[in-house]
C-alpha atoms as a PDB file:
ATOM      1  CA  MET A   1       0.267  44.071  -4.659  1.00  0.00           C
ATOM      2  CA  LYS A   2       2.704  42.336  -6.981  1.00  0.00           C
ATOM      3  CA  LYS A   3       5.214  41.955  -4.133  1.00  0.00           C
ATOM      4  CA  ILE A   4       2.552  40.347  -1.879  1.00  0.00           C
ATOM      5  CA  MET A   5       1.688  37.927  -4.639  1.00  0.00           C
ATOM      6  CA  THR A   6       5.319  36.986  -5.211  1.00  0.00           C
ATOM      7  CA  THR A   7       6.359  36.679  -1.574  1.00  0.00           C
ATOM      8  CA  THR A   8       3.182  35.243  -0.077  1.00  0.00           C
ATOM      9  CA  LEU A   9       0.674  33.792  -2.484  1.00  0.00           C
ATOM     10  CA  ILE A  10       3.017  31.898  -4.777  1.00  0.00           C
ATOM     11  CA  PRO A  11       4.855  30.056  -1.945  1.00  0.00           C
ATOM     12  CA  LEU A  12       1.509  29.395  -0.242  1.00  0.00           C
ATOM     13  CA  GLY A  13       0.095  27.995  -3.472  1.00  0.00           C
ATOM     14  CA  ALA A  14       3.174  25.830  -3.966  1.00  0.00           C
ATOM     15  CA  ALA A  15       2.897  24.493  -0.404  1.00  0.00           C
ATOM     16  CA  LEU A  16      -0.769  23.628  -0.914  1.00  0.00           C
ATOM     17  CA  LEU A  17       0.015  21.934  -4.212  1.00  0.00           C
ATOM     18  CA  LEU A  18       2.797  19.850  -2.658  1.00  0.00           C
ATOM     19  CA  SER A  19       0.548  18.953   0.257  1.00  0.00           C
ATOM     20  CA  GLY A  20      -2.136  17.797  -2.152  1.00  0.00           C
ATOM     21  CA  ILE A  21       0.368  15.726  -4.101  1.00  0.00           C
ATOM     22  CA  ALA A  22       1.645  14.094  -0.892  1.00  0.00           C
ATOM     23  CA  GLN A  23      -1.917  13.249   0.175  1.00  0.00           C
ATOM     24  CA  ALA A  24      -2.726  11.836  -3.257  1.00  0.00           C
ATOM     25  CA  GLN A  25       0.402   9.677  -3.166  1.00  0.00           C
ATOM     26  CA  THR A  26      -0.611   8.269   0.231  1.00  0.00           C
ATOM     27  CA  ARG A  27      -4.102   7.496  -1.054  1.00  0.00           C
ATOM     28  CA  LEU A  28      -2.591   5.799  -4.079  1.00  0.00           C
ATOM     29  CA  ASP A  29      -0.206   3.739  -1.960  1.00  0.00           C
ATOM     30  CA  PRO A  30      -2.356   0.987  -0.441  1.00  0.00           C
ATOM     31  CA  GLY A  31       0.653  -0.678   1.216  1.00  0.00           C
ATOM     32  CA  LYS A  32       1.591   2.494   3.055  1.00  0.00           C
ATOM     33  CA  ARG A  33      -2.017   3.082   4.027  1.00  0.00           C
ATOM     34  CA  GLU A  34      -2.222  -0.512   5.309  1.00  0.00           C
ATOM     35  CA  PHE A  35       0.963  -0.055   7.316  1.00  0.00           C
ATOM     36  CA  GLU A  36      -0.170   3.238   8.827  1.00  0.00           C
ATOM     37  CA  SER A  37      -3.599   1.806   9.705  1.00  0.00           C
ATOM     38  CA  ASN A  38      -2.594  -1.539  11.172  1.00  0.00           C
ATOM     39  CA  CYS A  39       1.134  -1.666  11.875  1.00  0.00           C
ATOM     40  CA  ALA A  40       2.352   1.777  12.907  1.00  0.00           C
ATOM     41  CA  SER A  41       0.827   1.656  16.384  1.00  0.00           C
ATOM     42  CA  CYS A  42       3.429  -0.959  17.302  1.00  0.00           C
ATOM     43  CA  HIS A  43       6.155  -0.624  14.659  1.00  0.00           C
ATOM     44  CA  GLY A  44       6.023   3.199  14.443  1.00  0.00           C
ATOM     45  CA  LEU A  45       5.328   5.369  11.409  1.00  0.00           C
ATOM     46  CA  THR A  46       8.863   4.783  10.136  1.00  0.00           C
ATOM     47  CA  GLY A  47       8.776   1.022  10.825  1.00  0.00           C
ATOM     48  CA  ARG A  48      11.587   1.078  13.376  1.00  0.00           C
ATOM     49  CA  GLY A  49       9.630  -0.578  16.205  1.00  0.00           C
ATOM     50  CA  ASP A  50       8.978   2.624  18.119  1.00  0.00           C
ATOM     51  CA  GLY A  51       5.194   2.950  17.905  1.00  0.00           C
ATOM     52  CA  PRO A  52       3.159   4.282  20.839  1.00  0.00           C
ATOM     53  CA  VAL A  53       1.989   0.775  21.829  1.00  0.00           C
ATOM     54  CA  ALA A  54       5.485  -0.775  21.729  1.00  0.00           C
ATOM     55  CA  LYS A  55       6.282  -0.011  25.357  1.00  0.00           C
ATOM     56  CA  TYR A  56       3.310  -2.098  26.507  1.00  0.00           C
ATOM     57  CA  LEU A  57       4.236  -5.255  24.592  1.00  0.00           C
ATOM     58  CA  THR A  58       6.031  -8.233  26.094  1.00  0.00           C
ATOM     59  CA  THR A  59       8.184  -8.648  22.989  1.00  0.00           C
ATOM     60  CA  PRO A  60       9.412  -5.417  21.382  1.00  0.00           C
ATOM     61  CA  PRO A  61       8.217  -4.951  17.777  1.00  0.00           C
ATOM     62  CA  SER A  62      10.795  -5.565  15.077  1.00  0.00           C
ATOM     63  CA  ASN A  63      12.563  -2.797  13.232  1.00  0.00           C
ATOM     64  CA  LEU A  64      10.974  -3.482   9.864  1.00  0.00           C
ATOM     65  CA  THR A  65      13.458  -1.304   8.003  1.00  0.00           C
ATOM     66  CA  GLN A  66      16.207  -3.874   8.713  1.00  0.00           C
ATOM     67  CA  LEU A  67      14.543  -7.040   7.387  1.00  0.00           C
ATOM     68  CA  ALA A  68      16.662  -7.247   4.226  1.00  0.00           C
ATOM     69  CA  ARG A  69      19.864  -6.335   6.071  1.00  0.00           C
ATOM     70  CA  ARG A  70      19.268  -9.149   8.568  1.00  0.00           C
ATOM     71  CA  ASN A  71      18.649 -11.518   5.629  1.00  0.00           C
ATOM     72  CA  GLY A  72      21.885 -10.989   3.701  1.00  0.00           C
ATOM     73  CA  GLY A  73      20.559  -7.996   1.763  1.00  0.00           C
ATOM     74  CA  VAL A  74      17.503  -9.819   0.398  1.00  0.00           C
ATOM     75  CA  PHE A  75      13.979  -8.903   1.477  1.00  0.00           C
ATOM     76  CA  PRO A  76      12.568 -12.091   3.102  1.00  0.00           C
ATOM     77  CA  ALA A  77       9.215 -12.049   1.298  1.00  0.00           C
ATOM     78  CA  GLN A  78       8.060 -15.531   2.332  1.00  0.00           C
ATOM     79  CA  LEU A  79       8.910 -14.962   5.998  1.00  0.00           C
ATOM     80  CA  VAL A  80       7.160 -11.575   6.002  1.00  0.00           C
ATOM     81  CA  SER A  81       4.075 -13.018   4.295  1.00  0.00           C
ATOM     82  CA  THR A  82       3.856 -15.914   6.745  1.00  0.00           C
ATOM     83  CA  THR A  83       4.424 -13.659   9.744  1.00  0.00           C
ATOM     84  CA  VAL A  84       1.813 -11.089   8.715  1.00  0.00           C
ATOM     85  CA  ASP A  85      -0.722 -13.750   7.749  1.00  0.00           C
ATOM     86  CA  GLY A  86      -0.143 -15.734  10.958  1.00  0.00           C
ATOM     87  CA  ARG A  87      -2.683 -18.447  10.168  1.00  0.00           C
ATOM     88  CA  SER A  88      -0.092 -21.175   9.624  1.00  0.00           C
ATOM     89  CA  VAL A  89       1.161 -20.906  13.216  1.00  0.00           C
ATOM     90  CA  SER A  90      -0.162 -23.806  15.273  1.00  0.00           C
ATOM     91  CA  ASN A  91      -1.979 -23.258  18.558  1.00  0.00           C
ATOM     92  CA  VAL A  92      -3.166 -19.768  17.635  1.00  0.00           C
ATOM     93  CA  GLY A  93      -5.509 -17.819  19.898  1.00  0.00           C
ATOM     94  CA  PRO A  94      -7.070 -14.453  19.035  1.00  0.00           C
ATOM     95  CA  HIS A  95      -3.630 -12.832  18.897  1.00  0.00           C
ATOM     96  CA  GLY A  96      -1.656 -16.008  18.471  1.00  0.00           C
ATOM     97  CA  PRO A  97       1.283 -17.067  20.615  1.00  0.00           C
ATOM     98  CA  ARG A  98       2.870 -13.721  19.789  1.00  0.00           C
ATOM     99  CA  ASP A  99       1.965 -10.114  20.420  1.00  0.00           C
ATOM    100  CA  MET A 100       1.281  -9.499  16.730  1.00  0.00           C
ATOM    101  CA  PRO A 101      -2.295 -10.017  15.542  1.00  0.00           C
ATOM    102  CA  VAL A 102      -3.070 -12.781  13.076  1.00  0.00           C
ATOM    103  CA  TRP A 103      -3.852 -10.480  10.175  1.00  0.00           C
ATOM    104  CA  GLY A 104      -4.802 -13.341   7.835  1.00  0.00           C
ATOM    105  CA  ASN A 105      -7.933 -13.976   9.896  1.00  0.00           C
ATOM    106  CA  VAL A 106      -8.755 -10.269  10.076  1.00  0.00           C
ATOM    107  CA  TYR A 107      -8.321  -9.678   6.341  1.00  0.00           C
ATOM    108  CA  ARG A 108     -10.241 -12.815   5.408  1.00  0.00           C
ATOM    109  CA  ALA A 109     -13.207 -11.788   7.560  1.00  0.00           C
ATOM    110  CA  GLU A 110     -13.151  -8.302   6.009  1.00  0.00           C
ATOM    111  CA  GLY A 111     -13.025  -9.747   2.493  1.00  0.00           C
ATOM    112  CA  MET A 112     -15.966 -12.106   2.864  1.00  0.00           C
ATOM    113  CA  GLN A 113     -19.436 -11.161   1.688  1.00  0.00           C
ATOM    114  CA  PRO A 114     -22.591 -13.163   2.444  1.00  0.00           C
ATOM    115  CA  GLY A 115     -22.803 -16.040  -0.029  1.00  0.00           C
ATOM    116  CA  ASP A 116     -19.144 -15.812  -1.080  1.00  0.00           C
ATOM    117  CA  GLY A 117     -17.032 -18.876  -1.314  1.00  0.00           C
ATOM    118  CA  ASP A 118     -13.647 -19.201   0.336  1.00  0.00           C
ATOM    119  CA  LEU A 119     -11.835 -17.957  -2.764  1.00  0.00           C
ATOM    120  CA  ARG A 120     -12.932 -14.320  -2.515  1.00  0.00           C
ATOM    121  CA  GLY A 121     -11.842 -13.977   1.116  1.00  0.00           C
ATOM    122  CA  GLU A 122      -8.534 -15.673   0.375  1.00  0.00           C
ATOM    123  CA  LEU A 123      -7.823 -13.465  -2.651  1.00  0.00           C
ATOM    124  CA  TYR A 124      -8.625 -10.376  -0.603  1.00  0.00           C
ATOM    125  CA  THR A 125      -6.277 -11.574   2.152  1.00  0.00           C
ATOM    126  CA  ARG A 126      -3.432 -12.240  -0.294  1.00  0.00           C
ATOM    127  CA  ALA A 127      -3.881  -8.814  -1.922  1.00  0.00           C
ATOM    128  CA  ARG A 128      -3.719  -6.983   1.419  1.00  0.00           C
ATOM    129  CA  ILE A 129      -0.612  -8.880   2.478  1.00  0.00           C
ATOM    130  CA  LEU A 130       1.094  -8.292  -0.891  1.00  0.00           C
ATOM    131  CA  GLU A 131       0.380  -4.554  -0.717  1.00  0.00           C
ATOM    132  CA  LEU A 132       1.883  -4.429   2.757  1.00  0.00           C
ATOM    133  CA  MET A 133       4.915  -6.486   1.680  1.00  0.00           C
ATOM    134  CA  ASP A 134       5.506  -4.122  -1.236  1.00  0.00           C
ATOM    135  CA  TYR A 135       5.569  -1.170   1.139  1.00  0.00           C
ATOM    136  CA  LEU A 136       7.860  -2.943   3.607  1.00  0.00           C
ATOM    137  CA  ALA A 137      10.262  -3.842   0.805  1.00  0.00           C
ATOM    138  CA  ARG A 138      10.396  -0.171  -0.195  1.00  0.00           C
ATOM    139  CA  ILE A 139      11.272   1.081   3.315  1.00  0.00           C
ATOM    140  CA  GLN A 140      14.317  -1.181   3.712  1.00  0.00           C
ATOM    141  CA  GLU A 141      17.472   0.679   4.724  1.00  0.00           C
ATOM    142  CA  LYS A 142      20.661  -0.158   2.890  1.00  0.00           C
END
């Protein structure tokens, strides 16, 4: 019985513990959760532009792990924020003049409650974009 416990139950328990920790970390990482929910279908789970929808897009999705490298080693926070938000682009339709959705409109609509002023929706939008930017900054390859 002791051998079964040592060779089977302890490794199984360790695997379950590690799995639980990994799930907790994902739940506690809103930027990663945001990316996986809204970006990975095009950009892929690793951010390299190889998501399942990528092959159907006119313009291939960017490799988001190379943003800093393409910007002299500095994560281009303002460019990423503007691109994700998308509301400052003129002549924008439902998906804008690009294949990428205008997430600023989506987030703002999700953040509004009946009777709220513009501020609540805008703060919610900024928070979602900042969480996503934090995650993207962390997945940059050197």
